Amino acid sequence: MSLESARPRGRPVSKDILNFVGAGLAVFLAVFLGSLLVSVIPPERDSIWFAAGAFMTPAAAMFALYWLIAQKF
């Protein structure tokens, strides 16, 4: 019995579906991590620039991860 015949016969997942799910997960993680960073800071140190940076830092990390994956595939 060969390994080819032991493979499941399911349909492979489309790359478009994987891109859509990955983008949704990246947006969710960026918002979650940004809101976590904003909620941790003390209220007397709260500024609009820190809040913007707290949301943009995870978003930039997600974009860098997306770029690395896009370069490989």
N, C-alpha and C. Protein backbone atom coordinates (compact mmCIF):
# COMPACT_ATOMS: atom_id res chain seq x y z
N MET A 1 0.84 -1.17 0.00
CA MET A 1 0.00 0.00 0.00
C MET A 1 0.89 1.24 0.00
N SER A 2 0.67 2.13 -0.93
CA SER A 2 1.50 3.32 -1.04
C SER A 2 0.95 4.43 -0.15
N LEU A 3 1.78 5.42 0.07
CA LEU A 3 1.35 6.56 0.89
C LEU A 3 0.30 7.39 0.18
N GLU A 4 0.31 7.42 -1.13
CA GLU A 4 -0.68 8.19 -1.89
C GLU A 4 -2.08 7.66 -1.67
N SER A 5 -2.23 6.35 -1.57
CA SER A 5 -3.57 5.79 -1.40
C SER A 5 -4.08 5.95 0.03
N ALA A 6 -3.17 6.22 0.98
CA ALA A 6 -3.58 6.39 2.38
C ALA A 6 -4.00 7.82 2.69
N ARG A 7 -3.84 8.74 1.75
CA ARG A 7 -4.20 10.13 1.96
C ARG A 7 -5.71 10.31 2.02
N PRO A 8 -6.19 11.24 2.87
CA PRO A 8 -7.64 11.51 2.86
C PRO A 8 -8.05 12.13 1.53
N ARG A 9 -9.27 11.91 1.14
CA ARG A 9 -9.76 12.34 -0.16
C ARG A 9 -10.50 13.67 -0.11
N GLY A 10 -10.32 14.48 0.93
CA GLY A 10 -11.02 15.75 1.04
C GLY A 10 -10.53 16.78 0.05
N ARG A 11 -11.34 17.79 -0.15
CA ARG A 11 -10.97 18.88 -1.06
C ARG A 11 -10.04 19.84 -0.35
N PRO A 12 -8.95 20.28 -0.99
CA PRO A 12 -8.05 21.23 -0.32
C PRO A 12 -8.72 22.59 -0.13
N VAL A 13 -8.29 23.29 0.90
CA VAL A 13 -8.84 24.61 1.20
C VAL A 13 -8.25 25.62 0.22
N SER A 14 -9.09 26.47 -0.31
CA SER A 14 -8.67 27.48 -1.28
C SER A 14 -7.74 28.50 -0.62
N LYS A 15 -6.77 29.02 -1.39
CA LYS A 15 -5.87 30.05 -0.86
C LYS A 15 -6.61 31.33 -0.53
N ASP A 16 -7.68 31.62 -1.26
CA ASP A 16 -8.47 32.82 -0.96
C ASP A 16 -9.11 32.72 0.42
N ILE A 17 -9.62 31.54 0.75
CA ILE A 17 -10.23 31.34 2.07
C ILE A 17 -9.17 31.50 3.15
N LEU A 18 -7.99 30.92 2.93
CA LEU A 18 -6.92 31.04 3.92
C LEU A 18 -6.48 32.49 4.08
N ASN A 19 -6.41 33.25 2.99
CA ASN A 19 -6.06 34.66 3.07
C ASN A 19 -7.10 35.45 3.86
N PHE A 20 -8.37 35.16 3.63
CA PHE A 20 -9.45 35.85 4.32
C PHE A 20 -9.42 35.56 5.81
N VAL A 21 -9.24 34.30 6.17
CA VAL A 21 -9.20 33.92 7.58
C VAL A 21 -7.94 34.51 8.25
N GLY A 22 -6.81 34.47 7.55
CA GLY A 22 -5.58 35.03 8.10
C GLY A 22 -5.67 36.52 8.32
N ALA A 23 -6.27 37.25 7.36
CA ALA A 23 -6.42 38.70 7.52
C ALA A 23 -7.36 39.02 8.68
N GLY A 24 -8.43 38.28 8.81
CA GLY A 24 -9.36 38.49 9.93
C GLY A 24 -8.70 38.22 11.27
N LEU A 25 -7.90 37.17 11.33
CA LEU A 25 -7.18 36.85 12.57
C LEU A 25 -6.15 37.93 12.89
N ALA A 26 -5.46 38.44 11.87
CA ALA A 26 -4.46 39.49 12.09
C ALA A 26 -5.12 40.77 12.60
N VAL A 27 -6.25 41.14 12.04
CA VAL A 27 -6.97 42.35 12.50
C VAL A 27 -7.43 42.15 13.94
N PHE A 28 -7.99 40.98 14.24
CA PHE A 28 -8.44 40.70 15.60
C PHE A 28 -7.29 40.77 16.59
N LEU A 29 -6.15 40.15 16.25
CA LEU A 29 -5.01 40.18 17.16
C LEU A 29 -4.45 41.59 17.34
N ALA A 30 -4.40 42.37 16.26
CA ALA A 30 -3.89 43.74 16.37
C ALA A 30 -4.78 44.58 17.28
N VAL A 31 -6.08 44.47 17.13
CA VAL A 31 -7.01 45.24 17.98
C VAL A 31 -6.96 44.74 19.41
N PHE A 32 -6.89 43.42 19.59
CA PHE A 32 -6.84 42.86 20.94
C PHE A 32 -5.57 43.29 21.67
N LEU A 33 -4.43 43.17 21.00
CA LEU A 33 -3.17 43.55 21.64
C LEU A 33 -3.09 45.06 21.88
N GLY A 34 -3.60 45.85 20.94
CA GLY A 34 -3.62 47.30 21.14
C GLY A 34 -4.49 47.71 22.30
N SER A 35 -5.66 47.11 22.40
CA SER A 35 -6.55 47.45 23.52
C SER A 35 -5.98 46.94 24.84
N LEU A 36 -5.26 45.85 24.81
CA LEU A 36 -4.61 45.35 26.02
C LEU A 36 -3.52 46.32 26.48
N LEU A 37 -2.74 46.82 25.53
CA LEU A 37 -1.70 47.80 25.89
C LEU A 37 -2.30 49.09 26.43
N VAL A 38 -3.37 49.57 25.83
CA VAL A 38 -4.01 50.81 26.29
C VAL A 38 -4.62 50.63 27.67
N SER A 39 -5.17 49.46 27.95
CA SER A 39 -5.82 49.25 29.25
C SER A 39 -4.81 49.08 30.38
N VAL A 40 -3.57 48.76 30.05
CA VAL A 40 -2.56 48.54 31.09
C VAL A 40 -1.95 49.85 31.59
N ILE A 41 -1.93 50.89 30.75
CA ILE A 41 -1.26 52.13 31.16
C ILE A 41 -2.06 52.83 32.26
N PRO A 42 -1.37 53.52 33.15
CA PRO A 42 -2.08 54.26 34.19
C PRO A 42 -2.83 55.46 33.59
N PRO A 43 -3.95 55.86 34.16
CA PRO A 43 -4.75 56.96 33.59
C PRO A 43 -4.02 58.30 33.55
N GLU A 44 -3.10 58.56 34.47
CA GLU A 44 -2.42 59.85 34.44
C GLU A 44 -1.39 59.94 33.32
N ARG A 45 -0.97 58.83 32.75
CA ARG A 45 -0.02 58.82 31.64
C ARG A 45 -0.72 58.61 30.30
N ASP A 46 -2.02 58.63 30.29
CA ASP A 46 -2.81 58.37 29.09
C ASP A 46 -2.69 59.54 28.11
N SER A 47 -2.33 59.25 26.87
CA SER A 47 -2.28 60.27 25.83
C SER A 47 -2.77 59.66 24.52
N ILE A 48 -3.22 60.50 23.63
CA ILE A 48 -3.73 60.02 22.35
C ILE A 48 -2.61 59.42 21.52
N TRP A 49 -1.38 59.94 21.67
CA TRP A 49 -0.25 59.42 20.90
C TRP A 49 0.17 58.04 21.38
N PHE A 50 0.09 57.83 22.68
CA PHE A 50 0.41 56.50 23.19
C PHE A 50 -0.64 55.49 22.75
N ALA A 51 -1.90 55.90 22.76
CA ALA A 51 -2.96 55.00 22.31
C ALA A 51 -2.79 54.66 20.82
N ALA A 52 -2.45 55.65 20.02
CA ALA A 52 -2.22 55.39 18.60
C ALA A 52 -1.04 54.45 18.41
N GLY A 53 0.02 54.68 19.15
CA GLY A 53 1.19 53.80 19.06
C GLY A 53 0.90 52.39 19.56
N ALA A 54 0.05 52.29 20.59
CA ALA A 54 -0.30 50.98 21.12
C ALA A 54 -1.08 50.15 20.11
N PHE A 55 -1.87 50.80 19.28
CA PHE A 55 -2.62 50.06 18.26
C PHE A 55 -1.79 49.85 16.99
N MET A 56 -0.91 50.80 16.67
CA MET A 56 -0.13 50.68 15.45
C MET A 56 1.03 49.69 15.58
N THR A 57 1.57 49.50 16.77
CA THR A 57 2.67 48.56 16.94
C THR A 57 2.25 47.12 16.63
N PRO A 58 1.15 46.60 17.18
CA PRO A 58 0.75 45.25 16.79
C PRO A 58 0.32 45.18 15.31
N ALA A 59 -0.26 46.26 14.80
CA ALA A 59 -0.65 46.26 13.39
C ALA A 59 0.58 46.18 12.50
N ALA A 60 1.64 46.88 12.86
CA ALA A 60 2.87 46.82 12.08
C ALA A 60 3.50 45.43 12.17
N ALA A 61 3.43 44.82 13.34
CA ALA A 61 3.96 43.46 13.49
C ALA A 61 3.16 42.47 12.64
N MET A 62 1.83 42.64 12.59
CA MET A 62 1.01 41.75 11.76
C MET A 62 1.31 41.96 10.29
N PHE A 63 1.55 43.20 9.89
CA PHE A 63 1.89 43.46 8.49
C PHE A 63 3.25 42.85 8.14
N ALA A 64 4.22 42.95 9.05
CA ALA A 64 5.53 42.34 8.80
C ALA A 64 5.42 40.83 8.68
N LEU A 65 4.59 40.22 9.51
CA LEU A 65 4.35 38.78 9.42
C LEU A 65 3.68 38.41 8.09
N TYR A 66 2.70 39.21 7.67
CA TYR A 66 2.05 39.00 6.39
C TYR A 66 3.05 39.11 5.25
N TRP A 67 3.93 40.09 5.33
CA TRP A 67 4.91 40.30 4.26
C TRP A 67 5.87 39.13 4.18
N LEU A 68 6.31 38.62 5.34
CA LEU A 68 7.20 37.46 5.34
C LEU A 68 6.53 36.23 4.75
N ILE A 69 5.28 36.01 5.09
CA ILE A 69 4.55 34.87 4.54
C ILE A 69 4.34 35.03 3.05
N ALA A 70 4.05 36.24 2.61
CA ALA A 70 3.83 36.49 1.17
C ALA A 70 5.12 36.28 0.38
N GLN A 71 6.27 36.55 0.97
CA GLN A 71 7.52 36.33 0.29
C GLN A 71 7.85 34.85 0.12
N LYS A 72 7.38 34.03 1.04
CA LYS A 72 7.66 32.59 0.99
C LYS A 72 6.73 31.86 0.03
N PHE A 73 5.49 32.31 -0.08
CA PHE A 73 4.52 31.60 -0.91
C PHE A 73 4.18 32.47 -2.05
